[in-house]
């Protein structure tokens, strides 16, 4: 019986550091909204608003979360209501995600 108690105590002592290491892991990947809020927004300028196709053409700086260099490209929007809030020439800050093969703007804020 003493050997069994000793074995359980040793196993518990060995498992404790592993559990502690796992519990401090960053869980932002499990919470996309939190990950997006923590992500850096990209500076851009609206070049074209296409309400019929529900797309924006944006000249943008590097998009860090996608490891994309600066360029001008067309993006889909997550919410078509975003298209009513911007006009060609507007400076913006935005967040874009790659879903499947599409690049989708999920957040737009006024830029400087």
C-alpha atoms as a PDB file:
ATOM      1  CA  UNK A   1       0.000   0.000   0.000  1.00  0.00           C
ATOM      2  CA  UNK A   2       2.841   2.388   0.834  1.00  0.00           C
ATOM      3  CA  UNK A   3       4.407   1.700  -2.565  1.00  0.00           C
ATOM      4  CA  UNK A   4       1.121   2.558  -4.313  1.00  0.00           C
ATOM      5  CA  UNK A   5       0.804   5.835  -2.379  1.00  0.00           C
ATOM      6  CA  UNK A   6       4.410   6.706  -3.174  1.00  0.00           C
ATOM      7  CA  UNK A   7       3.887   5.941  -6.875  1.00  0.00           C
ATOM      8  CA  UNK A   8       0.782   8.148  -7.064  1.00  0.00           C
ATOM      9  CA  UNK A   9       2.633  10.995  -5.330  1.00  0.00           C
ATOM     10  CA  UNK A  10       5.574  10.724  -7.765  1.00  0.00           C
ATOM     11  CA  UNK A  11       3.290  10.689 -10.814  1.00  0.00           C
ATOM     12  CA  UNK A  12       1.359  13.710  -9.529  1.00  0.00           C
ATOM     13  CA  UNK A  13       4.614  15.599  -8.951  1.00  0.00           C
ATOM     14  CA  UNK A  14       5.815  14.815 -12.476  1.00  0.00           C
ATOM     15  CA  UNK A  15       2.516  15.836 -14.088  1.00  0.00           C
ATOM     16  CA  UNK A  16       2.186  19.194 -12.302  1.00  0.00           C
ATOM     17  CA  UNK A  17       4.818  21.108 -14.366  1.00  0.00           C
ATOM     18  CA  UNK A  18       3.324  19.813 -17.625  1.00  0.00           C
ATOM     19  CA  UNK A  19      -0.156  20.959 -16.612  1.00  0.00           C
ATOM     20  CA  UNK A  20       1.145  24.372 -15.519  1.00  0.00           C
ATOM     21  CA  UNK A  21       2.933  24.839 -18.848  1.00  0.00           C
ATOM     22  CA  UNK A  22      -0.203  23.971 -20.825  1.00  0.00           C
ATOM     23  CA  UNK A  23      -2.442  26.277 -18.811  1.00  0.00           C
ATOM     24  CA  UNK A  24      -0.381  29.358 -19.747  1.00  0.00           C
ATOM     25  CA  UNK A  25      -0.744  28.757 -23.480  1.00  0.00           C
ATOM     26  CA  UNK A  26      -2.146  31.625 -25.577  1.00  0.00           C
ATOM     27  CA  UNK A  27      -5.697  30.680 -26.490  1.00  0.00           C
ATOM     28  CA  UNK A  28      -6.406  33.566 -28.889  1.00  0.00           C
ATOM     29  CA  UNK A  29      -6.552  31.123 -31.806  1.00  0.00           C
ATOM     30  CA  UNK A  30      -9.625  29.624 -30.157  1.00  0.00           C
ATOM     31  CA  UNK A  31     -11.281  33.048 -29.962  1.00  0.00           C
ATOM     32  CA  UNK A  32     -11.178  34.702 -33.409  1.00  0.00           C
ATOM     33  CA  UNK A  33     -12.859  37.916 -32.233  1.00  0.00           C
ATOM     34  CA  UNK A  34     -10.184  38.445 -29.576  1.00  0.00           C
ATOM     35  CA  UNK A  35      -7.436  37.626 -32.054  1.00  0.00           C
ATOM     36  CA  UNK A  36      -8.870  40.151 -34.526  1.00  0.00           C
ATOM     37  CA  UNK A  37      -9.106  42.882 -31.867  1.00  0.00           C
ATOM     38  CA  UNK A  38      -5.477  42.298 -30.935  1.00  0.00           C
ATOM     39  CA  UNK A  39      -4.373  42.309 -34.577  1.00  0.00           C
ATOM     40  CA  UNK A  40      -2.887  45.374 -36.175  1.00  0.00           C
ATOM     41  CA  UNK A  41      -5.153  47.150 -38.615  1.00  0.00           C
ATOM     42  CA  UNK A  42      -3.779  47.923 -42.071  1.00  0.00           C
ATOM     43  CA  UNK A  43      -3.679  51.450 -43.533  1.00  0.00           C
ATOM     44  CA  UNK A  44      -5.412  51.813 -46.857  1.00  0.00           C
ATOM     45  CA  UNK A  45      -7.205  54.082 -49.292  1.00  0.00           C
ATOM     46  CA  UNK A  46     -10.493  53.201 -50.963  1.00  0.00           C
ATOM     47  CA  UNK A  47     -10.030  53.280 -54.716  1.00  0.00           C
ATOM     48  CA  UNK A  48     -13.446  51.936 -55.746  1.00  0.00           C
ATOM     49  CA  UNK A  49     -16.723  50.893 -54.086  1.00  0.00           C
ATOM     50  CA  UNK A  50     -18.668  48.259 -56.047  1.00  0.00           C
ATOM     51  CA  UNK A  51     -22.011  47.852 -54.304  1.00  0.00           C
ATOM     52  CA  UNK A  52     -23.416  45.489 -56.943  1.00  0.00           C
ATOM     53  CA  UNK A  53     -20.558  42.994 -56.488  1.00  0.00           C
ATOM     54  CA  UNK A  54     -20.215  43.827 -52.752  1.00  0.00           C
ATOM     55  CA  UNK A  55     -16.485  44.515 -53.143  1.00  0.00           C
ATOM     56  CA  UNK A  56     -13.948  47.217 -52.366  1.00  0.00           C
ATOM     57  CA  UNK A  57     -10.790  48.065 -54.265  1.00  0.00           C
ATOM     58  CA  UNK A  58      -8.218  49.187 -51.699  1.00  0.00           C
ATOM     59  CA  UNK A  59      -4.670  50.462 -52.093  1.00  0.00           C
ATOM     60  CA  UNK A  60      -3.061  49.190 -48.906  1.00  0.00           C
ATOM     61  CA  UNK A  61       0.141  48.888 -46.944  1.00  0.00           C
ATOM     62  CA  UNK A  62       1.529  45.513 -45.863  1.00  0.00           C
ATOM     63  CA  UNK A  63      -1.123  43.229 -44.371  1.00  0.00           C
ATOM     64  CA  UNK A  64       0.803  41.655 -41.489  1.00  0.00           C
ATOM     65  CA  UNK A  65      -1.617  38.870 -40.541  1.00  0.00           C
ATOM     66  CA  UNK A  66      -1.568  37.577 -44.139  1.00  0.00           C
ATOM     67  CA  UNK A  67       2.125  38.341 -44.796  1.00  0.00           C
ATOM     68  CA  UNK A  68       1.016  40.300 -47.874  1.00  0.00           C
ATOM     69  CA  UNK A  69       3.059  43.191 -49.298  1.00  0.00           C
ATOM     70  CA  UNK A  70       1.620  46.601 -50.120  1.00  0.00           C
ATOM     71  CA  UNK A  71      -0.466  46.700 -53.312  1.00  0.00           C
ATOM     72  CA  UNK A  72      -3.882  47.562 -54.712  1.00  0.00           C
ATOM     73  CA  UNK A  73      -6.441  44.784 -54.833  1.00  0.00           C
ATOM     74  CA  UNK A  74     -10.136  43.920 -54.695  1.00  0.00           C
ATOM     75  CA  UNK A  75     -11.647  42.559 -51.470  1.00  0.00           C
ATOM     76  CA  UNK A  76     -15.014  41.092 -50.604  1.00  0.00           C
ATOM     77  CA  UNK A  77     -16.751  42.540 -47.530  1.00  0.00           C
ATOM     78  CA  UNK A  78     -18.171  40.543 -44.643  1.00  0.00           C
ATOM     79  CA  UNK A  79     -21.118  42.923 -44.256  1.00  0.00           C
ATOM     80  CA  UNK A  80     -22.527  44.779 -47.302  1.00  0.00           C
ATOM     81  CA  UNK A  81     -23.445  47.682 -44.981  1.00  0.00           C
ATOM     82  CA  UNK A  82     -19.706  48.514 -44.889  1.00  0.00           C
ATOM     83  CA  UNK A  83     -20.017  49.728 -48.474  1.00  0.00           C
ATOM     84  CA  UNK A  84     -22.365  52.548 -47.405  1.00  0.00           C
ATOM     85  CA  UNK A  85     -19.776  53.917 -44.970  1.00  0.00           C
ATOM     86  CA  UNK A  86     -16.915  54.531 -47.407  1.00  0.00           C
ATOM     87  CA  UNK A  87     -16.260  56.381 -50.650  1.00  0.00           C
ATOM     88  CA  UNK A  88     -13.444  56.366 -53.194  1.00  0.00           C
ATOM     89  CA  UNK A  89     -10.567  58.436 -51.819  1.00  0.00           C
ATOM     90  CA  UNK A  90     -11.318  57.705 -48.138  1.00  0.00           C
ATOM     91  CA  UNK A  91      -8.328  56.866 -45.941  1.00  0.00           C
ATOM     92  CA  UNK A  92      -9.123  53.820 -43.812  1.00  0.00           C
ATOM     93  CA  UNK A  93      -7.724  51.280 -41.404  1.00  0.00           C
ATOM     94  CA  UNK A  94      -9.034  47.791 -41.998  1.00  0.00           C
ATOM     95  CA  UNK A  95      -8.719  44.123 -41.109  1.00  0.00           C
ATOM     96  CA  UNK A  96      -8.908  41.380 -43.713  1.00  0.00           C
ATOM     97  CA  UNK A  97      -9.060  37.606 -43.330  1.00  0.00           C
ATOM     98  CA  UNK A  98      -8.497  34.850 -45.850  1.00  0.00           C
ATOM     99  CA  UNK A  99     -11.449  32.461 -45.863  1.00  0.00           C
ATOM    100  CA  UNK A 100     -11.183  29.650 -48.359  1.00  0.00           C
ATOM    101  CA  UNK A 101      -9.664  31.373 -51.379  1.00  0.00           C
ATOM    102  CA  UNK A 102     -11.292  34.760 -50.712  1.00  0.00           C
ATOM    103  CA  UNK A 103      -9.889  37.832 -48.956  1.00  0.00           C
ATOM    104  CA  UNK A 104     -12.688  39.334 -46.865  1.00  0.00           C
ATOM    105  CA  UNK A 105     -12.684  42.725 -45.123  1.00  0.00           C
ATOM    106  CA  UNK A 106     -14.180  42.149 -41.686  1.00  0.00           C
ATOM    107  CA  UNK A 107     -13.583  45.563 -40.105  1.00  0.00           C
ATOM    108  CA  UNK A 108     -13.191  49.134 -41.365  1.00  0.00           C
ATOM    109  CA  UNK A 109     -12.377  52.266 -39.383  1.00  0.00           C
ATOM    110  CA  UNK A 110     -11.658  55.823 -40.509  1.00  0.00           C
ATOM    111  CA  UNK A 111      -7.961  56.362 -41.197  1.00  0.00           C
ATOM    112  CA  UNK A 112      -5.699  59.363 -40.848  1.00  0.00           C
END
